[in-house]
Amino acid sequence: MKRVLLAVGLLSMAGGAFAAGKPCEELKSEIAAKIDANGASGYTLEVVDNVTPDEGFQVVGSCEGGTKAIVYKR
């Protein structure tokens, strides 16, 4: 019974961490590393408040619990 309570407690704490989302700068650097690994250059990544997609940029990530977005501009 103690193991079950311990498992439930640990899972509830982990669920809160997942709901919080990643910090924007951490996610931005991970995305930049993936783009650089593919050989792309001449781009910018910006952290913005959630916006509707517009011409000229593409949303490539969401951070801080979905309150901000990372956009890719070429």
PDB file of N, CA and C in Angstrom:
ATOM      1  N   MET A   1       0.822  -1.186   0.000  1.00  0.00           N
ATOM      2  CA  MET A   1       0.000   0.000   0.000  1.00  0.00           C
ATOM      3  C   MET A   1       0.871   1.256   0.000  1.00  0.00           C
ATOM      4  N   LYS A   2       1.977   1.219   0.736  1.00  0.00           N
ATOM      5  CA  LYS A   2       2.876   2.373   0.772  1.00  0.00           C
ATOM      6  C   LYS A   2       3.473   2.635  -0.608  1.00  0.00           C
ATOM      7  N   ARG A   3       3.774   1.566  -1.333  1.00  0.00           N
ATOM      8  CA  ARG A   3       4.343   1.728  -2.673  1.00  0.00           C
ATOM      9  C   ARG A   3       3.340   2.401  -3.611  1.00  0.00           C
ATOM     10  N   VAL A   4       2.084   2.026  -3.493  1.00  0.00           N
ATOM     11  CA  VAL A   4       1.056   2.617  -4.339  1.00  0.00           C
ATOM     12  C   VAL A   4       0.933   4.110  -4.038  1.00  0.00           C
ATOM     13  N   LEU A   5       0.893   4.473  -2.779  1.00  0.00           N
ATOM     14  CA  LEU A   5       0.805   5.877  -2.403  1.00  0.00           C
ATOM     15  C   LEU A   5       2.038   6.657  -2.862  1.00  0.00           C
ATOM     16  N   LEU A   6       3.198   6.053  -2.750  1.00  0.00           N
ATOM     17  CA  LEU A   6       4.419   6.695  -3.205  1.00  0.00           C
ATOM     18  C   LEU A   6       4.385   6.901  -4.718  1.00  0.00           C
ATOM     19  N   ALA A   7       3.944   5.890  -5.452  1.00  0.00           N
ATOM     20  CA  ALA A   7       3.871   6.003  -6.908  1.00  0.00           C
ATOM     21  C   ALA A   7       2.882   7.082  -7.328  1.00  0.00           C
ATOM     22  N   VAL A   8       1.729   7.140  -6.676  1.00  0.00           N
ATOM     23  CA  VAL A   8       0.735   8.158  -6.994  1.00  0.00           C
ATOM     24  C   VAL A   8       1.291   9.552  -6.688  1.00  0.00           C
ATOM     25  N   GLY A   9       1.982   9.694  -5.579  1.00  0.00           N
ATOM     26  CA  GLY A   9       2.578  10.988  -5.221  1.00  0.00           C
ATOM     27  C   GLY A   9       3.624  11.432  -6.227  1.00  0.00           C
ATOM     28  N   LEU A  10       4.481  10.519  -6.651  1.00  0.00           N
ATOM     29  CA  LEU A  10       5.513  10.861  -7.624  1.00  0.00           C
ATOM     30  C   LEU A  10       4.917  11.210  -8.980  1.00  0.00           C
ATOM     31  N   LEU A  11       3.909  10.473  -9.392  1.00  0.00           N
ATOM     32  CA  LEU A  11       3.272  10.756 -10.682  1.00  0.00           C
ATOM     33  C   LEU A  11       2.543  12.090 -10.669  1.00  0.00           C
ATOM     34  N   SER A  12       1.956  12.451  -9.545  1.00  0.00           N
ATOM     35  CA  SER A  12       1.257  13.739  -9.489  1.00  0.00           C
ATOM     36  C   SER A  12       2.247  14.896  -9.555  1.00  0.00           C
ATOM     37  N   MET A  13       3.415  14.741  -8.952  1.00  0.00           N
ATOM     38  CA  MET A  13       4.438  15.791  -9.047  1.00  0.00           C
ATOM     39  C   MET A  13       4.982  15.882 -10.459  1.00  0.00           C
ATOM     40  N   ALA A  14       5.180  14.748 -11.116  1.00  0.00           N
ATOM     41  CA  ALA A  14       5.687  14.744 -12.485  1.00  0.00           C
ATOM     42  C   ALA A  14       4.670  15.358 -13.428  1.00  0.00           C
ATOM     43  N   GLY A  15       3.401  15.109 -13.207  1.00  0.00           N
ATOM     44  CA  GLY A  15       2.360  15.690 -14.044  1.00  0.00           C
ATOM     45  C   GLY A  15       2.364  17.202 -13.966  1.00  0.00           C
ATOM     46  N   GLY A  16       2.617  17.762 -12.806  1.00  0.00           N
ATOM     47  CA  GLY A  16       2.700  19.212 -12.657  1.00  0.00           C
ATOM     48  C   GLY A  16       3.878  19.786 -13.412  1.00  0.00           C
ATOM     49  N   ALA A  17       4.968  19.076 -13.447  1.00  0.00           N
ATOM     50  CA  ALA A  17       6.146  19.548 -14.180  1.00  0.00           C
ATOM     51  C   ALA A  17       5.889  19.539 -15.685  1.00  0.00           C
ATOM     52  N   PHE A  18       5.191  18.525 -16.187  1.00  0.00           N
ATOM     53  CA  PHE A  18       4.892  18.470 -17.616  1.00  0.00           C
ATOM     54  C   PHE A  18       3.907  19.563 -18.015  1.00  0.00           C
ATOM     55  N   ALA A  19       2.964  19.873 -17.148  1.00  0.00           N
ATOM     56  CA  ALA A  19       1.965  20.888 -17.464  1.00  0.00           C
ATOM     57  C   ALA A  19       2.590  22.279 -17.514  1.00  0.00           C
ATOM     58  N   ALA A  20       3.677  22.487 -16.759  1.00  0.00           N
ATOM     59  CA  ALA A  20       4.308  23.802 -16.723  1.00  0.00           C
ATOM     60  C   ALA A  20       4.988  24.133 -18.043  1.00  0.00           C
ATOM     61  N   GLY A  21       5.454  23.137 -18.775  1.00  0.00           N
ATOM     62  CA  GLY A  21       6.121  23.380 -20.049  1.00  0.00           C
ATOM     63  C   GLY A  21       7.570  23.775 -19.850  1.00  0.00           C
ATOM     64  N   LYS A  22       8.299  23.777 -20.936  1.00  0.00           N
ATOM     65  CA  LYS A  22       9.712  24.138 -20.889  1.00  0.00           C
ATOM     66  C   LYS A  22       9.882  25.644 -20.895  1.00  0.00           C
ATOM     67  N   PRO A  23      10.974  26.115 -20.296  1.00  0.00           N
ATOM     68  CA  PRO A  23      11.294  27.534 -20.433  1.00  0.00           C
ATOM     69  C   PRO A  23      11.602  27.848 -21.900  1.00  0.00           C
ATOM     70  N   CYS A  24      11.214  29.021 -22.338  1.00  0.00           N
ATOM     71  CA  CYS A  24      11.330  29.375 -23.753  1.00  0.00           C
ATOM     72  C   CYS A  24      12.773  29.368 -24.255  1.00  0.00           C
ATOM     73  N   GLU A  25      13.688  29.908 -23.497  1.00  0.00           N
ATOM     74  CA  GLU A  25      15.079  29.980 -23.967  1.00  0.00           C
ATOM     75  C   GLU A  25      15.689  28.593 -24.116  1.00  0.00           C
ATOM     76  N   GLU A  26      15.336  27.678 -23.228  1.00  0.00           N
ATOM     77  CA  GLU A  26      15.838  26.298 -23.326  1.00  0.00           C
ATOM     78  C   GLU A  26      15.314  25.631 -24.592  1.00  0.00           C
ATOM     79  N   LEU A  27      14.022  25.761 -24.836  1.00  0.00           N
ATOM     80  CA  LEU A  27      13.430  25.158 -26.027  1.00  0.00           C
ATOM     81  C   LEU A  27      13.959  25.816 -27.294  1.00  0.00           C
ATOM     82  N   LYS A  28      14.131  27.120 -27.262  1.00  0.00           N
ATOM     83  CA  LYS A  28      14.660  27.847 -28.421  1.00  0.00           C
ATOM     84  C   LYS A  28      16.049  27.347 -28.791  1.00  0.00           C
ATOM     85  N   SER A  29      16.894  27.114 -27.790  1.00  0.00           N
ATOM     86  CA  SER A  29      18.248  26.635 -28.084  1.00  0.00           C
ATOM     87  C   SER A  29      18.227  25.203 -28.613  1.00  0.00           C
ATOM     88  N   GLU A  30      17.299  24.367 -28.140  1.00  0.00           N
ATOM     89  CA  GLU A  30      17.183  23.002 -28.658  1.00  0.00           C
ATOM     90  C   GLU A  30      16.736  23.019 -30.120  1.00  0.00           C
ATOM     91  N   ILE A  31      15.771  23.867 -30.437  1.00  0.00           N
ATOM     92  CA  ILE A  31      15.286  23.967 -31.819  1.00  0.00           C
ATOM     93  C   ILE A  31      16.387  24.497 -32.727  1.00  0.00           C
ATOM     94  N   ALA A  32      17.125  25.510 -32.262  1.00  0.00           N
ATOM     95  CA  ALA A  32      18.220  26.068 -33.058  1.00  0.00           C
ATOM     96  C   ALA A  32      19.281  25.010 -33.343  1.00  0.00           C
ATOM     97  N   ALA A  33      19.581  24.170 -32.356  1.00  0.00           N
ATOM     98  CA  ALA A  33      20.573  23.115 -32.554  1.00  0.00           C
ATOM     99  C   ALA A  33      20.114  22.124 -33.626  1.00  0.00           C
ATOM    100  N   LYS A  34      18.819  21.787 -33.634  1.00  0.00           N
ATOM    101  CA  LYS A  34      18.299  20.862 -34.639  1.00  0.00           C
ATOM    102  C   LYS A  34      18.336  21.487 -36.031  1.00  0.00           C
ATOM    103  N   ILE A  35      17.991  22.768 -36.112  1.00  0.00           N
ATOM    104  CA  ILE A  35      18.007  23.444 -37.413  1.00  0.00           C
ATOM    105  C   ILE A  35      19.438  23.548 -37.928  1.00  0.00           C
ATOM    106  N   ASP A  36      20.375  23.909 -37.044  1.00  0.00           N
ATOM    107  CA  ASP A  36      21.781  24.005 -37.439  1.00  0.00           C
ATOM    108  C   ASP A  36      22.331  22.653 -37.885  1.00  0.00           C
ATOM    109  N   ALA A  37      21.894  21.581 -37.221  1.00  0.00           N
ATOM    110  CA  ALA A  37      22.356  20.239 -37.580  1.00  0.00           C
ATOM    111  C   ALA A  37      21.890  19.846 -38.982  1.00  0.00           C
ATOM    112  N   ASN A  38      20.795  20.426 -39.435  1.00  0.00           N
ATOM    113  CA  ASN A  38      20.303  20.155 -40.782  1.00  0.00           C
ATOM    114  C   ASN A  38      20.959  21.041 -41.827  1.00  0.00           C
ATOM    115  N   GLY A  39      21.860  21.917 -41.408  1.00  0.00           N
ATOM    116  CA  GLY A  39      22.622  22.728 -42.342  1.00  0.00           C
ATOM    117  C   GLY A  39      21.960  24.034 -42.754  1.00  0.00           C
ATOM    118  N   ALA A  40      20.895  24.428 -42.092  1.00  0.00           N
ATOM    119  CA  ALA A  40      20.210  25.676 -42.448  1.00  0.00           C
ATOM    120  C   ALA A  40      20.994  26.885 -41.924  1.00  0.00           C
ATOM    121  N   SER A  41      20.888  27.991 -42.653  1.00  0.00           N
ATOM    122  CA  SER A  41      21.500  29.240 -42.211  1.00  0.00           C
ATOM    123  C   SER A  41      20.620  30.392 -42.663  1.00  0.00           C
ATOM    124  N   GLY A  42      20.865  31.561 -42.111  1.00  0.00           N
ATOM    125  CA  GLY A  42      20.101  32.735 -42.504  1.00  0.00           C
ATOM    126  C   GLY A  42      18.684  32.737 -41.960  1.00  0.00           C
ATOM    127  N   TYR A  43      18.479  32.241 -40.768  1.00  0.00           N
ATOM    128  CA  TYR A  43      17.158  32.199 -40.160  1.00  0.00           C
ATOM    129  C   TYR A  43      17.202  32.884 -38.798  1.00  0.00           C
ATOM    130  N   THR A  44      16.036  33.189 -38.268  1.00  0.00           N
ATOM    131  CA  THR A  44      15.941  33.704 -36.903  1.00  0.00           C
ATOM    132  C   THR A  44      14.833  32.959 -36.177  1.00  0.00           C
ATOM    133  N   LEU A  45      15.027  32.785 -34.892  1.00  0.00           N
ATOM    134  CA  LEU A  45      14.003  32.235 -34.015  1.00  0.00           C
ATOM    135  C   LEU A  45      13.645  33.320 -33.015  1.00  0.00           C
ATOM    136  N   GLU A  46      12.366  33.556 -32.820  1.00  0.00           N
ATOM    137  CA  GLU A  46      11.925  34.570 -31.874  1.00  0.00           C
ATOM    138  C   GLU A  46      10.865  33.984 -30.947  1.00  0.00           C
ATOM    139  N   VAL A  47      10.901  34.417 -29.693  1.00  0.00           N
ATOM    140  CA  VAL A  47       9.876  34.043 -28.734  1.00  0.00           C
ATOM    141  C   VAL A  47       8.848  35.166 -28.729  1.00  0.00           C
ATOM    142  N   VAL A  48       7.590  34.812 -28.978  1.00  0.00           N
ATOM    143  CA  VAL A  48       6.504  35.797 -29.040  1.00  0.00           C
ATOM    144  C   VAL A  48       5.315  35.277 -28.237  1.00  0.00           C
ATOM    145  N   ASP A  49       4.421  36.208 -27.888  1.00  0.00           N
ATOM    146  CA  ASP A  49       3.148  35.780 -27.309  1.00  0.00           C
ATOM    147  C   ASP A  49       2.415  35.008 -28.387  1.00  0.00           C
ATOM    148  N   ASN A  50       1.552  34.112 -27.969  1.00  0.00           N
ATOM    149  CA  ASN A  50       0.824  33.306 -28.954  1.00  0.00           C
ATOM    150  C   ASN A  50       0.147  34.200 -29.973  1.00  0.00           C
ATOM    151  N   VAL A  51       0.408  33.918 -31.239  1.00  0.00           N
ATOM    152  CA  VAL A  51      -0.155  34.684 -32.347  1.00  0.00           C
ATOM    153  C   VAL A  51      -0.727  33.719 -33.364  1.00  0.00           C
ATOM    154  N   THR A  52      -1.546  34.227 -34.240  1.00  0.00           N
ATOM    155  CA  THR A  52      -2.017  33.392 -35.334  1.00  0.00           C
ATOM    156  C   THR A  52      -0.942  33.375 -36.403  1.00  0.00           C
ATOM    157  N   PRO A  53      -0.742  32.247 -37.046  1.00  0.00           N
ATOM    158  CA  PRO A  53       0.284  32.174 -38.085  1.00  0.00           C
ATOM    159  C   PRO A  53       0.049  33.223 -39.174  1.00  0.00           C
ATOM    160  N   ASP A  54       1.145  33.797 -39.642  1.00  0.00           N
ATOM    161  CA  ASP A  54       1.104  34.862 -40.636  1.00  0.00           C
ATOM    162  C   ASP A  54       2.099  34.512 -41.728  1.00  0.00           C
ATOM    163  N   GLU A  55       2.021  35.191 -42.830  1.00  0.00           N
ATOM    164  CA  GLU A  55       2.999  34.968 -43.885  1.00  0.00           C
ATOM    165  C   GLU A  55       4.369  35.425 -43.411  1.00  0.00           C
ATOM    166  N   GLY A  56       5.381  34.686 -43.762  1.00  0.00           N
ATOM    167  CA  GLY A  56       6.735  35.076 -43.426  1.00  0.00           C
ATOM    168  C   GLY A  56       7.315  34.384 -42.215  1.00  0.00           C
ATOM    169  N   PHE A  57       6.496  33.703 -41.435  1.00  0.00           N
ATOM    170  CA  PHE A  57       7.048  32.947 -40.318  1.00  0.00           C
ATOM    171  C   PHE A  57       6.237  31.687 -40.080  1.00  0.00           C
ATOM    172  N   GLN A  58       6.855  30.777 -39.335  1.00  0.00           N
ATOM    173  CA  GLN A  58       6.242  29.493 -39.038  1.00  0.00           C
ATOM    174  C   GLN A  58       6.405  29.228 -37.547  1.00  0.00           C
ATOM    175  N   VAL A  59       5.351  28.817 -36.863  1.00  0.00           N
ATOM    176  CA  VAL A  59       5.440  28.460 -35.451  1.00  0.00           C
ATOM    177  C   VAL A  59       6.113  27.093 -35.359  1.00  0.00           C
ATOM    178  N   VAL A  60       7.238  27.024 -34.630  1.00  0.00           N
ATOM    179  CA  VAL A  60       7.995  25.774 -34.526  1.00  0.00           C
ATOM    180  C   VAL A  60       8.025  25.210 -33.115  1.00  0.00           C
ATOM    181  N   GLY A  61       7.440  25.931 -32.163  1.00  0.00           N
ATOM    182  CA  GLY A  61       7.417  25.428 -30.799  1.00  0.00           C
ATOM    183  C   GLY A  61       6.507  26.251 -29.917  1.00  0.00           C
ATOM    184  N   SER A  62       6.134  25.639 -28.794  1.00  0.00           N
ATOM    185  CA  SER A  62       5.299  26.301 -27.808  1.00  0.00           C
ATOM    186  C   SER A  62       5.974  26.116 -26.459  1.00  0.00           C
ATOM    187  N   CYS A  63       5.966  27.153 -25.630  1.00  0.00           N
ATOM    188  CA  CYS A  63       6.670  27.068 -24.363  1.00  0.00           C
ATOM    189  C   CYS A  63       5.893  27.788 -23.267  1.00  0.00           C
ATOM    190  N   GLU A  64       6.396  27.653 -22.051  1.00  0.00           N
ATOM    191  CA  GLU A  64       5.813  28.249 -20.853  1.00  0.00           C
ATOM    192  C   GLU A  64       4.327  27.934 -20.742  1.00  0.00           C
ATOM    193  N   GLY A  65       4.027  26.646 -20.863  1.00  0.00           N
ATOM    194  CA  GLY A  65       2.663  26.184 -20.687  1.00  0.00           C
ATOM    195  C   GLY A  65       1.719  26.596 -21.796  1.00  0.00           C
ATOM    196  N   GLY A  66       2.251  26.867 -22.987  1.00  0.00           N
ATOM    197  CA  GLY A  66       1.423  27.230 -24.122  1.00  0.00           C
ATOM    198  C   GLY A  66       1.094  28.711 -24.205  1.00  0.00           C
ATOM    199  N   THR A  67       1.699  29.532 -23.345  1.00  0.00           N
ATOM    200  CA  THR A  67       1.413  30.964 -23.373  1.00  0.00           C
ATOM    201  C   THR A  67       2.268  31.716 -24.371  1.00  0.00           C
ATOM    202  N   LYS A  68       3.377  31.116 -24.802  1.00  0.00           N
ATOM    203  CA  LYS A  68       4.270  31.756 -25.766  1.00  0.00           C
ATOM    204  C   LYS A  68       4.582  30.781 -26.888  1.00  0.00           C
ATOM    205  N   ALA A  69       5.018  31.334 -28.010  1.00  0.00           N
ATOM    206  CA  ALA A  69       5.356  30.508 -29.163  1.00  0.00           C
ATOM    207  C   ALA A  69       6.742  30.892 -29.669  1.00  0.00           C
ATOM    208  N   ILE A  70       7.406  29.946 -30.315  1.00  0.00           N
ATOM    209  CA  ILE A  70       8.689  30.202 -30.953  1.00  0.00           C
ATOM    210  C   ILE A  70       8.439  30.167 -32.445  1.00  0.00           C
ATOM    211  N   VAL A  71       8.798  31.255 -33.114  1.00  0.00           N
ATOM    212  CA  VAL A  71       8.546  31.350 -34.555  1.00  0.00           C
ATOM    213  C   VAL A  71       9.866  31.358 -35.313  1.00  0.00           C
ATOM    214  N   TYR A  72       9.824  30.771 -36.490  1.00  0.00           N
ATOM    215  CA  TYR A  72      10.974  30.633 -37.381  1.00  0.00           C
ATOM    216  C   TYR A  72      10.758  31.580 -38.550  1.00  0.00           C
ATOM    217  N   LYS A  73      11.756  32.428 -38.790  1.00  0.00           N
ATOM    218  CA  LYS A  73      11.702  33.338 -39.942  1.00  0.00           C
ATOM    219  C   LYS A  73      12.930  33.103 -40.784  1.00  0.00           C
ATOM    220  N   ARG A  74      12.749  33.086 -42.076  1.00  0.00           N
ATOM    221  CA  ARG A  74      13.854  32.877 -43.003  1.00  0.00           C
ATOM    222  C   ARG A  74      14.291  34.179 -43.589  1.00  0.00           C
TER     223      ARG A  74
END
